[in-house]
Amino acid sequence: MRTTMLALNRSDVTVANDPLNNTALLRLMQLVSPALPIGAYAYSQGLETAVHNQWVTNEAEARQWIFGLMSHGLCHMDVPVFKRLYAAWRAVDEAGVQYWNDVLYASREAAELQREDAHLGVALAKLLEQLGIEQATPLKETTPISLATSFSLAAVVWGVPCRDAAMGYLWSWLENQVAAAVKLVPLGQTAGQRILSAGVDQIPRLVTQGFEVGDERIGFLAPAMAMACASHEAQYSRLFQS
């Protein structure tokens, strides 16, 4: 049964100001760091099965898989919802936070993806509570809670502007996917850096596009990813949880 989020205190929410200041920049770096102890490294989001099925066998195919998901999936789902979650946190709109959290969680097309999102969302909420963000406390009892919900809360409280936070969210996803590809394909570290460098050019544009998506156009279809994640649940040998 769902546990309702506790009411937020408007005075506790820091309003983000542009441009990105040094403290906010460092907080954003903290959020996107691979050292963030929420376990994101344990998930491949179907990439492991894609490699197993030989859909992805080299750098070019890894790049196509990763950027395909980011440009057609996250750009039209996670990014516009992230913008709305951020706005709801700033407005101290509990119902809005709950609504967009539910929309994002419901968009996950496989059980593994839902478990991943819920695990990461709660893990980040627990960490934020330990870092002094009291608004994160009720998130631990909210079932389920998406990663973007906890991430956007941290961005608001720490004064990270919405656009910068969304770029950081995409960068974190991209870095985890590249790390998985380096292990699975396998790719060399330099190949991984080439994919990341391509992300530097693409992420700002994808955030701009995602922010322009209206409510009625939020959503995407990625049947290959959904099939890969569903197959991964019964894959004989695997390194990742999704």
Protein backbone atom coordinates (compact mmCIF):
# COMPACT_ATOMS: atom_id res chain seq x y z
CA MET A 1 0.00 0.00 0.00
CA ARG A 2 1.23 3.46 -0.86
CA THR A 3 2.41 5.67 1.99
CA THR A 4 1.62 9.32 1.37
CA MET A 5 4.50 11.76 1.38
CA LEU A 6 4.57 14.04 4.39
CA ALA A 7 3.78 17.70 3.79
CA LEU A 8 6.73 19.84 2.83
CA ASN A 9 7.74 23.05 4.51
CA ARG A 10 8.15 25.82 1.95
CA SER A 11 10.79 27.55 4.06
CA ASP A 12 12.99 24.44 3.85
CA VAL A 13 13.24 24.50 0.06
CA THR A 14 16.07 26.53 -1.43
CA VAL A 15 15.14 28.36 -4.62
CA ALA A 16 17.70 27.70 -7.34
CA ASN A 17 19.22 30.78 -8.94
CA ASP A 18 21.05 31.02 -12.26
CA PRO A 19 23.87 30.96 -13.04
CA LEU A 20 25.17 27.80 -11.39
CA ASN A 21 27.28 28.90 -8.41
CA ASN A 22 30.33 27.06 -7.11
CA THR A 23 28.52 25.36 -4.24
CA ALA A 24 25.64 24.22 -6.44
CA LEU A 25 28.12 22.97 -9.05
CA LEU A 26 29.94 20.90 -6.44
CA ARG A 27 26.64 19.53 -5.15
CA LEU A 28 25.71 18.52 -8.70
CA MET A 29 29.07 16.79 -9.08
CA GLN A 30 28.32 14.95 -5.84
CA LEU A 31 24.97 13.78 -7.20
CA VAL A 32 26.36 12.49 -10.50
CA SER A 33 29.54 10.96 -9.10
CA PRO A 34 29.98 7.20 -9.64
CA ALA A 35 31.00 7.16 -5.97
CA LEU A 36 27.43 8.02 -4.93
CA PRO A 37 26.54 4.98 -2.80
CA ILE A 38 23.17 4.06 -4.29
CA GLY A 39 24.24 1.02 -6.32
CA ALA A 40 23.64 2.37 -9.84
CA TYR A 41 26.70 0.46 -11.07
CA ALA A 42 24.81 -2.82 -10.60
CA TYR A 43 22.38 -2.20 -13.47
CA SER A 44 22.78 -2.36 -17.26
CA GLN A 45 19.14 -1.66 -18.30
CA GLY A 46 19.04 -4.49 -20.81
CA LEU A 47 22.49 -3.92 -22.25
CA GLU A 48 23.77 -7.20 -20.83
CA THR A 49 21.17 -9.16 -22.76
CA ALA A 50 21.78 -7.05 -25.87
CA VAL A 51 25.44 -8.08 -25.72
CA HIS A 52 24.51 -11.70 -24.94
CA ASN A 53 22.22 -11.78 -28.01
CA GLN A 54 24.95 -10.13 -30.11
CA TRP A 55 22.83 -7.06 -30.82
CA VAL A 56 25.75 -5.04 -29.46
CA THR A 57 29.20 -6.33 -30.39
CA ASN A 58 31.44 -3.29 -30.81
CA GLU A 59 31.90 0.39 -30.02
CA ALA A 60 29.68 1.65 -32.83
CA GLU A 61 26.80 -0.62 -31.85
CA ALA A 62 27.21 0.23 -28.16
CA ARG A 63 27.06 3.91 -29.01
CA GLN A 64 23.98 3.38 -31.17
CA TRP A 65 22.22 1.42 -28.40
CA ILE A 66 23.06 3.92 -25.67
CA PHE A 67 22.30 7.09 -27.58
CA GLY A 68 19.20 5.55 -29.11
CA LEU A 69 17.77 4.98 -25.64
CA MET A 70 18.83 8.42 -24.44
CA SER A 71 17.52 10.37 -27.44
CA HIS A 72 14.28 8.44 -28.00
CA GLY A 73 13.62 7.30 -24.43
CA LEU A 74 14.98 9.52 -21.69
CA CYS A 75 14.58 12.67 -23.80
CA HIS A 76 10.83 12.10 -24.12
CA MET A 77 10.13 10.53 -20.73
CA ASP A 78 12.64 11.12 -17.94
CA VAL A 79 13.67 14.66 -18.91
CA PRO A 80 10.18 16.21 -19.21
CA VAL A 81 9.05 14.43 -16.05
CA PHE A 82 12.22 15.56 -14.25
CA LYS A 83 11.35 19.16 -15.14
CA ARG A 84 7.87 18.71 -13.66
CA LEU A 85 9.18 17.02 -10.52
CA TYR A 86 11.64 19.85 -10.00
CA ALA A 87 8.87 22.44 -10.41
CA ALA A 88 6.61 20.54 -8.00
CA TRP A 89 9.33 20.39 -5.33
CA ARG A 90 9.95 24.13 -5.69
CA ALA A 91 6.25 24.88 -5.44
CA VAL A 92 5.94 22.55 -2.42
CA ASP A 93 3.29 20.69 -4.41
CA GLU A 94 3.05 17.29 -2.75
CA ALA A 95 0.33 16.06 -5.08
CA GLY A 96 2.38 17.10 -8.10
CA VAL A 97 5.45 15.28 -6.86
CA GLN A 98 3.40 12.15 -6.22
CA TYR A 99 1.67 12.31 -9.61
CA TRP A 100 4.83 12.70 -11.72
CA ASN A 101 6.67 10.13 -9.64
CA ASP A 102 3.89 7.64 -10.41
CA VAL A 103 3.90 8.51 -14.11
CA LEU A 104 7.62 7.90 -14.39
CA TYR A 105 7.55 4.64 -12.43
CA ALA A 106 4.63 3.34 -14.50
CA SER A 107 6.61 4.01 -17.69
CA ARG A 108 9.21 1.37 -16.82
CA GLU A 109 8.50 -1.42 -19.26
CA ALA A 110 9.85 -4.43 -17.36
CA ALA A 111 9.81 -5.66 -13.78
CA GLU A 112 13.58 -5.33 -13.59
CA LEU A 113 13.42 -1.69 -14.60
CA GLN A 114 10.78 -0.96 -11.99
CA ARG A 115 12.79 -2.68 -9.26
CA GLU A 116 15.88 -0.76 -10.32
CA ASP A 117 14.12 2.61 -10.27
CA ALA A 118 12.54 1.93 -6.88
CA HIS A 119 15.80 0.68 -5.38
CA LEU A 120 17.81 3.67 -6.58
CA GLY A 121 15.10 6.14 -5.58
CA VAL A 122 14.94 4.85 -2.02
CA ALA A 123 18.71 4.49 -1.75
CA LEU A 124 19.21 8.13 -2.74
CA ALA A 125 16.43 9.27 -0.40
CA LYS A 126 18.13 7.48 2.52
CA LEU A 127 21.44 9.09 1.61
CA LEU A 128 19.90 12.56 1.34
CA GLU A 129 18.32 12.13 4.76
CA GLN A 130 21.75 11.32 6.20
CA LEU A 131 23.08 14.46 4.47
CA GLY A 132 20.55 16.62 6.27
CA ILE A 133 17.70 16.91 3.75
CA GLU A 134 14.66 16.36 5.95
CA GLN A 135 12.25 16.34 3.01
CA ALA A 136 13.80 13.03 1.94
CA THR A 137 12.63 11.24 5.08
CA PRO A 138 9.05 10.55 3.93
CA LEU A 139 10.31 9.38 0.55
CA LYS A 140 11.72 6.27 2.19
CA GLU A 141 8.18 5.17 2.99
CA THR A 142 6.73 6.15 -0.40
CA THR A 143 6.22 3.04 -2.51
CA PRO A 144 7.50 3.15 -5.15
CA ILE A 145 9.80 6.16 -5.44
CA SER A 146 11.68 6.91 -8.66
CA LEU A 147 15.30 7.98 -8.79
CA ALA A 148 14.37 11.21 -10.58
CA THR A 149 12.09 12.14 -7.67
CA SER A 150 14.89 11.94 -5.11
CA PHE A 151 17.41 13.46 -7.52
CA SER A 152 15.20 16.47 -8.29
CA LEU A 153 14.56 17.05 -4.59
CA ALA A 154 18.29 17.21 -3.91
CA ALA A 155 18.75 19.60 -6.83
CA VAL A 156 16.08 21.97 -5.52
CA VAL A 157 17.30 21.95 -1.93
CA TRP A 158 20.94 22.41 -2.99
CA GLY A 159 20.13 25.23 -5.38
CA VAL A 160 21.06 23.45 -8.60
CA PRO A 161 19.18 25.02 -11.54
CA CYS A 162 16.73 22.69 -13.25
CA ARG A 163 18.47 22.55 -16.62
CA ASP A 164 21.86 21.81 -15.04
CA ALA A 165 20.30 19.15 -12.82
CA ALA A 166 18.63 17.48 -15.81
CA MET A 167 21.93 17.44 -17.70
CA GLY A 168 23.56 15.87 -14.65
CA TYR A 169 20.80 13.26 -14.48
CA LEU A 170 21.39 12.29 -18.11
CA TRP A 171 25.16 12.32 -17.65
CA SER A 172 24.92 9.96 -14.69
CA TRP A 173 22.75 7.56 -16.72
CA LEU A 174 25.16 7.76 -19.66
CA GLU A 175 28.23 7.14 -17.50
CA ASN A 176 26.65 4.04 -15.96
CA GLN A 177 25.71 2.69 -19.39
CA VAL A 178 29.23 3.28 -20.73
CA ALA A 179 30.76 1.60 -17.69
CA ALA A 180 28.53 -1.43 -18.32
CA ALA A 181 29.46 -1.48 -22.02
CA VAL A 182 33.18 -1.35 -21.22
CA LYS A 183 32.77 -4.49 -19.11
CA LEU A 184 30.30 -6.37 -21.28
CA VAL A 185 31.16 -5.85 -24.94
CA PRO A 186 33.99 -5.45 -23.90
CA LEU A 187 35.31 -2.03 -24.86
CA GLY A 188 38.57 -0.32 -24.02
CA GLN A 189 38.61 2.68 -21.72
CA THR A 190 39.40 4.98 -24.65
CA ALA A 191 36.36 3.71 -26.55
CA GLY A 192 34.28 4.45 -23.47
CA GLN A 193 35.65 7.98 -23.36
CA ARG A 194 34.75 8.50 -27.01
CA ILE A 195 31.14 7.62 -26.24
CA LEU A 196 31.15 9.95 -23.22
CA SER A 197 32.63 12.74 -25.34
CA ALA A 198 29.78 12.32 -27.81
CA GLY A 199 27.43 12.72 -24.86
CA VAL A 200 28.94 16.12 -24.07
CA ASP A 201 27.70 17.29 -27.47
CA GLN A 202 24.28 15.62 -27.27
CA ILE A 203 23.06 16.04 -23.69
CA PRO A 204 22.43 19.83 -23.75
CA ARG A 205 20.37 19.44 -26.93
CA LEU A 206 18.41 16.50 -25.52
CA VAL A 207 17.57 18.43 -22.35
CA THR A 208 16.35 21.37 -24.44
CA GLN A 209 14.17 19.03 -26.49
CA GLY A 210 12.88 17.24 -23.41
CA PHE A 211 11.94 20.47 -21.68
CA GLU A 212 9.76 21.40 -24.68
CA VAL A 213 7.70 18.17 -24.53
CA GLY A 214 4.12 18.87 -23.49
CA ASP A 215 2.17 16.77 -21.01
CA GLU A 216 0.22 15.00 -23.74
CA ARG A 217 3.39 13.96 -25.58
CA ILE A 218 5.34 12.52 -22.65
CA GLY A 219 6.24 8.88 -23.25
CA PHE A 220 8.20 6.58 -25.54
CA LEU A 221 8.32 3.04 -26.89
CA ALA A 222 11.49 0.93 -26.74
CA PRO A 223 10.44 -2.66 -27.50
CA ALA A 224 14.01 -3.97 -27.88
CA MET A 225 14.97 -2.65 -24.45
CA ALA A 226 11.79 -4.04 -22.91
CA MET A 227 12.40 -7.48 -24.44
CA ALA A 228 16.05 -7.42 -23.36
CA CYS A 229 15.12 -6.59 -19.77
CA ALA A 230 12.40 -9.24 -19.69
CA SER A 231 14.81 -11.84 -21.09
CA HIS A 232 17.51 -10.79 -18.65
CA GLU A 233 15.40 -11.94 -15.72
CA ALA A 234 15.92 -15.54 -16.86
CA GLN A 235 19.37 -15.19 -18.39
CA TYR A 236 21.59 -18.07 -17.26
CA SER A 237 24.75 -16.11 -16.51
CA ARG A 238 24.83 -12.39 -15.78
CA LEU A 239 26.85 -9.68 -14.06
CA PHE A 240 24.13 -7.06 -13.64
CA GLN A 241 20.73 -6.89 -11.95
CA SER A 242 19.00 -5.52 -15.03
